[in-house]
Amino acid sequence: MYRQAAVYTRCPLRVTKVPCHKVRPTGSINVVAGSEPRYSESMFTPHPNLSNEVNRNIVQSEIEGGVFLEGLPPDTVLQIRTQHHFYTALLLGEGSALISGHPQYCPQPVQVTIAGSTWGGSMLKVRFIGRGMRLEFHHPAYSTPIITSPIQEIREPIESVRDQRTGVGQGR
């Protein structure tokens, strides 16, 4: 007897488990905030050694969107709005950033190392900033990482520092 396979589809409202014979074999789309859509050949396949909650969180992060830091050049400015604060991060490269926006931890820009994003537990999506997730960064004055409230929006300002340095948009 054969077991019915299933595919997790991406839907704006919920993650739906659909039998394979009802899914058309088209490429899936992974929209990342602030960049062009990236297409992948296959949809996310749940890992059998991970819990349903972890697999659900991974799919949810793909639905919500976010940005991988490796895909952004140094001098990129990101504006990150969480549930409680509004952060500005100037990426320096290799996970380092100047971040400000928290009245206690970073009222003025401070150099930190961005570890990635978490769903509130111990699992970390490395060097990724994702909507609906919590940003985790290492502050030089604290021994434990700083974890923000859930991220609601990530955007790159129209005129970032990178554009100012290269003269883009200034008629030069």
N, C-alpha and C. Protein backbone atom coordinates (compact mmCIF):
# COMPACT_ATOMS: atom_id res chain seq x y z
N MET A 1 0.84 -1.17 0.00
CA MET A 1 0.00 0.00 0.00
C MET A 1 0.89 1.24 0.00
N TYR A 2 0.56 2.19 -0.86
CA TYR A 2 1.32 3.43 -0.97
C TYR A 2 0.72 4.49 -0.08
N ARG A 3 1.59 5.27 0.53
CA ARG A 3 1.14 6.38 1.37
C ARG A 3 0.93 7.62 0.50
N GLN A 4 -0.15 8.33 0.72
CA GLN A 4 -0.46 9.55 -0.03
C GLN A 4 0.52 10.65 0.36
N ALA A 5 1.26 11.19 -0.61
CA ALA A 5 2.20 12.28 -0.35
C ALA A 5 1.44 13.60 -0.26
N ALA A 6 2.05 14.57 0.37
CA ALA A 6 1.40 15.88 0.51
C ALA A 6 2.42 16.98 0.25
N VAL A 7 1.93 18.11 -0.17
CA VAL A 7 2.75 19.29 -0.42
C VAL A 7 2.16 20.43 0.38
N TYR A 8 3.03 21.26 0.97
CA TYR A 8 2.56 22.44 1.69
C TYR A 8 2.53 23.59 0.71
N THR A 9 1.35 24.17 0.52
CA THR A 9 1.23 25.30 -0.41
C THR A 9 1.32 26.60 0.37
N ARG A 10 1.70 27.64 -0.34
CA ARG A 10 1.81 28.97 0.28
C ARG A 10 0.55 29.75 -0.03
N CYS A 11 -0.13 30.17 0.99
CA CYS A 11 -1.39 30.87 0.87
C CYS A 11 -1.32 32.06 1.82
N PRO A 12 -1.82 33.24 1.45
CA PRO A 12 -1.67 34.41 2.31
C PRO A 12 -2.32 34.29 3.67
N LEU A 13 -3.29 33.42 3.83
CA LEU A 13 -4.00 33.35 5.10
C LEU A 13 -3.56 32.19 5.99
N ARG A 14 -3.17 31.08 5.40
CA ARG A 14 -2.78 29.93 6.22
C ARG A 14 -1.96 28.96 5.38
N VAL A 15 -1.30 28.05 6.06
CA VAL A 15 -0.55 27.01 5.38
C VAL A 15 -1.51 25.84 5.22
N THR A 16 -1.64 25.34 4.01
CA THR A 16 -2.60 24.30 3.73
C THR A 16 -1.89 23.05 3.25
N LYS A 17 -2.25 21.92 3.78
CA LYS A 17 -1.69 20.65 3.33
C LYS A 17 -2.63 20.11 2.25
N VAL A 18 -2.09 19.91 1.05
CA VAL A 18 -2.89 19.50 -0.10
C VAL A 18 -2.30 18.23 -0.68
N PRO A 19 -3.11 17.22 -1.04
CA PRO A 19 -2.56 16.04 -1.69
C PRO A 19 -1.84 16.42 -2.98
N CYS A 20 -0.74 15.71 -3.29
CA CYS A 20 0.09 16.03 -4.45
C CYS A 20 -0.67 16.03 -5.76
N HIS A 21 -1.63 15.14 -5.91
CA HIS A 21 -2.33 15.06 -7.19
C HIS A 21 -3.20 16.28 -7.45
N LYS A 22 -3.40 17.15 -6.45
CA LYS A 22 -4.21 18.34 -6.63
C LYS A 22 -3.36 19.60 -6.81
N VAL A 23 -2.02 19.45 -6.81
CA VAL A 23 -1.13 20.59 -6.96
C VAL A 23 -0.47 20.53 -8.33
N ARG A 24 -0.54 21.64 -9.06
CA ARG A 24 0.11 21.70 -10.37
C ARG A 24 1.61 21.87 -10.18
N PRO A 25 2.43 21.22 -11.00
CA PRO A 25 3.88 21.30 -10.86
C PRO A 25 4.47 22.59 -11.41
N THR A 26 4.15 23.71 -10.78
CA THR A 26 4.73 24.99 -11.20
C THR A 26 5.73 25.42 -10.14
N GLY A 27 6.63 26.32 -10.50
CA GLY A 27 7.60 26.82 -9.54
C GLY A 27 6.92 27.62 -8.46
N SER A 28 7.47 27.60 -7.27
CA SER A 28 6.89 28.37 -6.18
C SER A 28 7.60 29.71 -6.10
N ILE A 29 6.99 30.65 -5.43
CA ILE A 29 7.57 31.99 -5.32
C ILE A 29 7.88 32.28 -3.87
N ASN A 30 9.03 32.88 -3.63
CA ASN A 30 9.43 33.29 -2.30
C ASN A 30 9.67 34.79 -2.36
N VAL A 31 8.72 35.57 -1.88
CA VAL A 31 8.85 37.02 -1.94
C VAL A 31 9.64 37.49 -0.74
N VAL A 32 10.71 38.21 -0.99
CA VAL A 32 11.55 38.75 0.07
C VAL A 32 11.40 40.26 0.02
N ALA A 33 11.07 40.86 1.14
CA ALA A 33 10.85 42.30 1.19
C ALA A 33 12.06 43.05 0.68
N GLY A 34 11.83 44.02 -0.19
CA GLY A 34 12.90 44.85 -0.68
C GLY A 34 13.72 44.26 -1.80
N SER A 35 13.29 43.15 -2.37
CA SER A 35 14.04 42.57 -3.48
C SER A 35 13.07 41.97 -4.49
N GLU A 36 13.62 41.54 -5.60
CA GLU A 36 12.81 40.90 -6.62
C GLU A 36 12.36 39.54 -6.11
N PRO A 37 11.20 39.04 -6.55
CA PRO A 37 10.78 37.70 -6.14
C PRO A 37 11.79 36.67 -6.61
N ARG A 38 12.03 35.68 -5.77
CA ARG A 38 12.93 34.59 -6.12
C ARG A 38 12.08 33.34 -6.31
N TYR A 39 12.34 32.62 -7.36
CA TYR A 39 11.58 31.42 -7.64
C TYR A 39 12.41 30.21 -7.28
N SER A 40 11.76 29.20 -6.75
CA SER A 40 12.45 27.95 -6.48
C SER A 40 11.73 26.84 -7.22
N GLU A 41 12.45 25.80 -7.50
CA GLU A 41 11.90 24.70 -8.27
C GLU A 41 10.94 23.86 -7.45
N SER A 42 11.15 23.77 -6.15
CA SER A 42 10.28 22.92 -5.35
C SER A 42 9.76 23.70 -4.15
N MET A 43 8.63 23.26 -3.64
CA MET A 43 8.07 23.88 -2.45
C MET A 43 8.75 23.29 -1.23
N PHE A 44 8.59 23.93 -0.09
CA PHE A 44 9.17 23.45 1.14
C PHE A 44 8.60 22.08 1.47
N THR A 45 9.47 21.16 1.75
CA THR A 45 9.05 19.82 2.16
C THR A 45 9.30 19.71 3.66
N PRO A 46 8.29 19.38 4.44
CA PRO A 46 8.49 19.28 5.89
C PRO A 46 9.57 18.25 6.21
N HIS A 47 10.42 18.59 7.15
CA HIS A 47 11.48 17.69 7.55
C HIS A 47 10.91 16.70 8.56
N PRO A 48 11.11 15.40 8.35
CA PRO A 48 10.51 14.41 9.25
C PRO A 48 11.06 14.44 10.67
N ASN A 49 12.27 15.00 10.87
CA ASN A 49 12.86 15.03 12.21
C ASN A 49 12.53 16.31 12.97
N LEU A 50 11.80 17.22 12.35
CA LEU A 50 11.40 18.45 13.02
C LEU A 50 9.93 18.35 13.42
N SER A 51 9.58 19.03 14.48
CA SER A 51 8.19 19.01 14.93
C SER A 51 7.29 19.76 13.95
N ASN A 52 6.00 19.50 14.05
CA ASN A 52 5.04 20.21 13.20
C ASN A 52 5.11 21.71 13.43
N GLU A 53 5.35 22.12 14.68
CA GLU A 53 5.43 23.55 15.01
C GLU A 53 6.63 24.19 14.31
N VAL A 54 7.78 23.52 14.32
CA VAL A 54 8.98 24.06 13.68
C VAL A 54 8.76 24.13 12.17
N ASN A 55 8.24 23.05 11.57
CA ASN A 55 7.96 23.06 10.13
C ASN A 55 6.98 24.18 9.78
N ARG A 56 5.96 24.38 10.60
CA ARG A 56 4.97 25.43 10.38
C ARG A 56 5.63 26.81 10.45
N ASN A 57 6.55 27.01 11.41
CA ASN A 57 7.25 28.29 11.52
C ASN A 57 8.12 28.57 10.30
N ILE A 58 8.77 27.56 9.77
CA ILE A 58 9.61 27.74 8.59
C ILE A 58 8.75 28.16 7.40
N VAL A 59 7.62 27.50 7.21
CA VAL A 59 6.72 27.86 6.12
C VAL A 59 6.17 29.26 6.34
N GLN A 60 5.81 29.59 7.56
CA GLN A 60 5.26 30.91 7.87
C GLN A 60 6.28 32.00 7.57
N SER A 61 7.57 31.76 7.82
CA SER A 61 8.58 32.77 7.53
C SER A 61 8.70 33.01 6.03
N GLU A 62 8.44 31.99 5.24
CA GLU A 62 8.47 32.16 3.78
C GLU A 62 7.24 32.94 3.31
N ILE A 63 6.12 32.74 3.97
CA ILE A 63 4.90 33.46 3.61
C ILE A 63 5.03 34.94 3.99
N GLU A 64 5.49 35.20 5.22
CA GLU A 64 5.60 36.57 5.73
C GLU A 64 6.66 37.38 4.99
N GLY A 65 7.74 36.74 4.60
CA GLY A 65 8.82 37.44 3.90
C GLY A 65 9.88 37.94 4.85
N GLY A 66 10.96 38.37 4.27
CA GLY A 66 12.08 38.86 5.03
C GLY A 66 13.27 39.04 4.11
N VAL A 67 14.44 39.22 4.68
CA VAL A 67 15.62 39.47 3.87
C VAL A 67 16.82 38.74 4.48
N PHE A 68 17.59 38.08 3.62
CA PHE A 68 18.85 37.46 4.03
C PHE A 68 19.94 38.52 3.94
N LEU A 69 20.70 38.69 4.99
CA LEU A 69 21.72 39.73 5.03
C LEU A 69 22.83 39.50 4.00
N GLU A 70 23.12 38.23 3.67
CA GLU A 70 24.16 37.94 2.69
C GLU A 70 23.81 38.51 1.32
N GLY A 71 22.54 38.71 1.03
CA GLY A 71 22.11 39.22 -0.26
C GLY A 71 22.16 40.73 -0.37
N LEU A 72 22.54 41.41 0.70
CA LEU A 72 22.57 42.88 0.70
C LEU A 72 24.00 43.38 0.78
N PRO A 73 24.34 44.41 0.00
CA PRO A 73 25.70 44.96 0.06
C PRO A 73 25.89 45.79 1.33
N PRO A 74 27.16 45.98 1.74
CA PRO A 74 27.43 46.89 2.87
C PRO A 74 26.89 48.28 2.53
N ASP A 75 26.61 49.05 3.54
CA ASP A 75 26.05 50.41 3.45
C ASP A 75 24.55 50.41 3.15
N THR A 76 23.93 49.24 3.14
CA THR A 76 22.48 49.20 2.99
C THR A 76 21.84 49.63 4.31
N VAL A 77 20.83 50.46 4.22
CA VAL A 77 20.11 50.90 5.41
C VAL A 77 18.76 50.17 5.44
N LEU A 78 18.46 49.54 6.57
CA LEU A 78 17.17 48.89 6.76
C LEU A 78 16.42 49.58 7.89
N GLN A 79 15.15 49.82 7.66
CA GLN A 79 14.28 50.33 8.71
C GLN A 79 13.42 49.16 9.16
N ILE A 80 13.51 48.84 10.45
CA ILE A 80 12.84 47.66 11.00
C ILE A 80 11.86 48.12 12.06
N ARG A 81 10.57 47.93 11.79
CA ARG A 81 9.53 48.31 12.77
C ARG A 81 9.08 47.04 13.48
N THR A 82 9.25 47.04 14.79
CA THR A 82 8.78 45.91 15.59
C THR A 82 7.48 46.33 16.28
N GLN A 83 6.97 45.45 17.09
CA GLN A 83 5.73 45.74 17.80
C GLN A 83 5.87 46.94 18.72
N HIS A 84 7.09 47.15 19.27
CA HIS A 84 7.27 48.22 20.25
C HIS A 84 8.22 49.34 19.86
N HIS A 85 9.12 49.11 18.88
CA HIS A 85 10.13 50.11 18.55
C HIS A 85 10.37 50.18 17.05
N PHE A 86 11.06 51.23 16.64
CA PHE A 86 11.44 51.43 15.24
C PHE A 86 12.96 51.51 15.19
N TYR A 87 13.60 50.52 14.56
CA TYR A 87 15.06 50.45 14.49
C TYR A 87 15.55 50.88 13.12
N THR A 88 16.75 51.45 13.10
CA THR A 88 17.45 51.73 11.86
C THR A 88 18.77 50.98 11.93
N ALA A 89 19.05 50.18 10.89
CA ALA A 89 20.29 49.40 10.85
C ALA A 89 21.06 49.75 9.59
N LEU A 90 22.31 50.15 9.77
CA LEU A 90 23.22 50.38 8.65
C LEU A 90 24.13 49.16 8.59
N LEU A 91 23.98 48.36 7.54
CA LEU A 91 24.74 47.13 7.42
C LEU A 91 26.19 47.44 7.08
N LEU A 92 27.11 46.80 7.80
CA LEU A 92 28.54 47.01 7.60
C LEU A 92 29.20 45.84 6.88
N GLY A 93 28.48 44.73 6.76
CA GLY A 93 29.01 43.54 6.12
C GLY A 93 29.31 42.45 7.13
N GLU A 94 29.24 41.20 6.68
CA GLU A 94 29.54 40.02 7.49
C GLU A 94 28.77 39.98 8.81
N GLY A 95 27.52 40.39 8.79
CA GLY A 95 26.66 40.32 9.96
C GLY A 95 26.75 41.50 10.90
N SER A 96 27.68 42.41 10.68
CA SER A 96 27.81 43.59 11.55
C SER A 96 26.91 44.71 11.05
N ALA A 97 26.44 45.52 12.00
CA ALA A 97 25.58 46.64 11.66
C ALA A 97 25.66 47.71 12.74
N LEU A 98 25.40 48.94 12.34
CA LEU A 98 25.18 50.02 13.30
C LEU A 98 23.67 50.09 13.48
N ILE A 99 23.20 49.87 14.69
CA ILE A 99 21.75 49.83 14.92
C ILE A 99 21.38 50.84 15.99
N SER A 100 20.22 51.45 15.82
CA SER A 100 19.68 52.39 16.81
C SER A 100 18.17 52.25 16.81
N GLY A 101 17.56 52.76 17.88
CA GLY A 101 16.11 52.76 17.93
C GLY A 101 15.49 52.24 19.21
N HIS A 102 16.29 51.65 20.10
CA HIS A 102 15.75 51.19 21.37
C HIS A 102 16.23 52.14 22.47
N PRO A 103 15.32 52.65 23.29
CA PRO A 103 15.71 53.67 24.28
C PRO A 103 16.73 53.18 25.31
N GLN A 104 16.79 51.90 25.59
CA GLN A 104 17.73 51.38 26.58
C GLN A 104 18.99 50.79 25.94
N TYR A 105 18.84 49.94 24.96
CA TYR A 105 19.97 49.20 24.40
C TYR A 105 20.73 49.95 23.30
N CYS A 106 20.03 50.75 22.52
CA CYS A 106 20.71 51.46 21.42
C CYS A 106 19.99 52.76 21.07
N PRO A 107 20.00 53.74 22.00
CA PRO A 107 19.38 55.03 21.68
C PRO A 107 20.18 55.77 20.60
N GLN A 108 21.51 55.55 20.59
CA GLN A 108 22.40 56.08 19.56
C GLN A 108 22.95 54.89 18.78
N PRO A 109 23.39 55.09 17.55
CA PRO A 109 23.93 53.96 16.78
C PRO A 109 25.08 53.26 17.52
N VAL A 110 24.98 51.94 17.59
CA VAL A 110 26.00 51.12 18.22
C VAL A 110 26.29 49.94 17.30
N GLN A 111 27.56 49.53 17.23
CA GLN A 111 27.91 48.42 16.36
C GLN A 111 27.56 47.10 17.05
N VAL A 112 26.77 46.30 16.35
CA VAL A 112 26.32 45.00 16.86
C VAL A 112 26.57 43.94 15.80
N THR A 113 26.40 42.70 16.20
CA THR A 113 26.43 41.59 15.26
C THR A 113 25.02 41.02 15.20
N ILE A 114 24.44 41.00 14.01
CA ILE A 114 23.09 40.47 13.85
C ILE A 114 23.19 38.96 13.68
N ALA A 115 22.61 38.22 14.62
CA ALA A 115 22.63 36.76 14.57
C ALA A 115 21.59 36.25 13.58
N GLY A 116 20.41 36.88 13.58
CA GLY A 116 19.33 36.44 12.71
C GLY A 116 17.99 36.71 13.35
N SER A 117 17.03 35.85 13.04
CA SER A 117 15.68 36.00 13.58
C SER A 117 15.23 34.70 14.22
N THR A 118 14.40 34.84 15.23
CA THR A 118 13.88 33.69 15.97
C THR A 118 12.37 33.83 16.11
N TRP A 119 11.73 32.72 16.41
CA TRP A 119 10.29 32.74 16.65
C TRP A 119 9.99 32.88 18.14
N GLY A 120 11.01 33.19 18.93
CA GLY A 120 10.82 33.35 20.37
C GLY A 120 11.41 32.21 21.17
N GLY A 121 11.83 31.15 20.50
CA GLY A 121 12.46 30.02 21.19
C GLY A 121 13.95 29.99 20.90
N SER A 122 14.52 28.80 20.92
CA SER A 122 15.96 28.68 20.73
C SER A 122 16.37 28.48 19.27
N MET A 123 15.41 28.26 18.38
CA MET A 123 15.75 28.05 16.97
C MET A 123 15.94 29.40 16.27
N LEU A 124 17.06 29.52 15.55
CA LEU A 124 17.45 30.78 14.92
C LEU A 124 17.57 30.59 13.41
N LYS A 125 16.97 31.50 12.65
CA LYS A 125 17.17 31.54 11.20
C LYS A 125 18.32 32.52 11.00
N VAL A 126 19.51 31.98 10.72
CA VAL A 126 20.77 32.71 10.74
C VAL A 126 20.82 33.80 9.68
N ARG A 127 21.26 34.99 10.10
CA ARG A 127 21.44 36.17 9.24
C ARG A 127 20.24 36.44 8.34
N PHE A 128 19.07 36.29 8.91
CA PHE A 128 17.81 36.54 8.23
C PHE A 128 17.01 37.48 9.11
N ILE A 129 16.39 38.48 8.52
CA ILE A 129 15.49 39.37 9.26
C ILE A 129 14.11 39.13 8.67
N GLY A 130 13.22 38.57 9.47
CA GLY A 130 11.92 38.15 8.95
C GLY A 130 10.74 38.78 9.66
N ARG A 131 9.72 39.13 8.85
CA ARG A 131 8.47 39.65 9.42
C ARG A 131 7.82 38.57 10.26
N GLY A 132 7.25 38.99 11.37
CA GLY A 132 6.58 38.06 12.28
C GLY A 132 7.56 37.35 13.21
N MET A 133 8.85 37.56 12.99
CA MET A 133 9.88 36.94 13.83
C MET A 133 10.51 38.02 14.71
N ARG A 134 11.41 37.61 15.60
CA ARG A 134 12.09 38.53 16.50
C ARG A 134 13.55 38.64 16.09
N LEU A 135 14.03 39.87 15.94
CA LEU A 135 15.43 40.11 15.60
C LEU A 135 16.30 39.80 16.81
N GLU A 136 17.40 39.07 16.56
CA GLU A 136 18.35 38.76 17.63
C GLU A 136 19.71 39.33 17.25
N PHE A 137 20.28 40.17 18.12
CA PHE A 137 21.60 40.74 17.85
C PHE A 137 22.43 40.75 19.12
N HIS A 138 23.76 40.77 18.93
CA HIS A 138 24.71 40.76 20.04
C HIS A 138 25.27 42.16 20.23
N HIS A 139 25.00 42.71 21.40
CA HIS A 139 25.43 44.06 21.78
C HIS A 139 26.73 43.94 22.56
N PRO A 140 27.73 44.78 22.29
CA PRO A 140 29.02 44.64 22.98
C PRO A 140 28.96 44.86 24.50
N ALA A 141 27.96 45.56 24.99
CA ALA A 141 27.87 45.84 26.42
C ALA A 141 27.07 44.79 27.20
N TYR A 142 26.50 43.80 26.51
CA TYR A 142 25.67 42.80 27.18
C TYR A 142 26.17 41.40 26.85
N SER A 143 26.13 40.52 27.84
CA SER A 143 26.64 39.16 27.64
C SER A 143 25.63 38.25 26.93
N THR A 144 24.36 38.57 27.03
CA THR A 144 23.34 37.76 26.36
C THR A 144 22.80 38.53 25.15
N PRO A 145 22.29 37.82 24.16
CA PRO A 145 21.77 38.53 22.97
C PRO A 145 20.52 39.35 23.30
N ILE A 146 20.33 40.41 22.52
CA ILE A 146 19.13 41.24 22.62
C ILE A 146 18.13 40.66 21.63
N ILE A 147 16.90 40.44 22.09
CA ILE A 147 15.84 39.90 21.24
C ILE A 147 14.69 40.89 21.25
N THR A 148 14.30 41.33 20.05
CA THR A 148 13.26 42.35 19.94
C THR A 148 11.86 41.74 20.04
N SER A 149 10.86 42.60 20.04
CA SER A 149 9.49 42.15 19.90
C SER A 149 9.28 41.76 18.42
N PRO A 150 8.18 41.12 18.07
CA PRO A 150 7.97 40.66 16.68
C PRO A 150 8.09 41.80 15.65
N ILE A 151 8.77 41.49 14.56
CA ILE A 151 8.98 42.45 13.48
C ILE A 151 7.70 42.57 12.66
N GLN A 152 7.26 43.80 12.44
CA GLN A 152 6.05 44.03 11.67
C GLN A 152 6.35 44.49 10.25
N GLU A 153 7.48 45.18 10.06
CA GLU A 153 7.79 45.69 8.72
C GLU A 153 9.30 45.87 8.58
N ILE A 154 9.80 45.57 7.38
CA ILE A 154 11.21 45.77 7.04
C ILE A 154 11.23 46.52 5.73
N ARG A 155 11.97 47.60 5.67
CA ARG A 155 12.06 48.33 4.41
C ARG A 155 13.42 48.99 4.28
N GLU A 156 13.80 49.22 3.04
CA GLU A 156 15.00 49.97 2.73
C GLU A 156 14.54 51.33 2.26
N PRO A 157 15.02 52.41 2.89
CA PRO A 157 14.59 53.74 2.45
C PRO A 157 14.94 53.96 0.98
N ILE A 158 14.17 54.79 0.32
CA ILE A 158 14.38 55.05 -1.11
C ILE A 158 15.79 55.55 -1.35
N GLU A 159 16.25 56.49 -0.54
CA GLU A 159 17.61 57.00 -0.70
C GLU A 159 18.43 56.53 0.48
N SER A 160 19.21 55.48 0.28
CA SER A 160 20.02 54.95 1.36
C SER A 160 21.42 55.53 1.29
N VAL A 161 22.22 55.25 2.28
CA VAL A 161 23.60 55.73 2.35
C VAL A 161 24.36 55.24 1.12
N ARG A 162 24.10 54.00 0.70
CA ARG A 162 24.77 53.44 -0.47
C ARG A 162 24.52 54.31 -1.69
N ASP A 163 23.29 54.79 -1.88
CA ASP A 163 22.96 55.65 -3.01
C ASP A 163 23.66 57.00 -2.90
N GLN A 164 23.75 57.53 -1.68
CA GLN A 164 24.40 58.82 -1.48
C GLN A 164 25.88 58.74 -1.84
N ARG A 165 26.53 57.63 -1.46
CA ARG A 165 27.97 57.48 -1.74
C ARG A 165 28.26 57.33 -3.23
N THR A 166 27.35 56.63 -3.93
CA THR A 166 27.59 56.40 -5.37
C THR A 166 27.01 57.51 -6.23
N GLY A 167 26.24 58.41 -5.63
CA GLY A 167 25.67 59.52 -6.39
C GLY A 167 24.42 59.14 -7.17
N VAL A 168 23.85 57.97 -6.90
CA VAL A 168 22.64 57.55 -7.59
C VAL A 168 21.48 58.46 -7.20
N GLY A 169 20.73 58.93 -8.18
CA GLY A 169 19.55 59.74 -7.92
C GLY A 169 19.86 61.19 -7.61
N GLN A 170 21.13 61.62 -7.74
CA GLN A 170 21.47 63.00 -7.41
C GLN A 170 21.86 63.80 -8.65
N GLY A 171 21.64 63.23 -9.83
CA GLY A 171 21.92 63.95 -11.07
C GLY A 171 23.39 64.13 -11.36
N ARG A 172 24.24 63.26 -10.81
CA ARG A 172 25.69 63.36 -11.06
C ARG A 172 26.09 62.58 -12.26
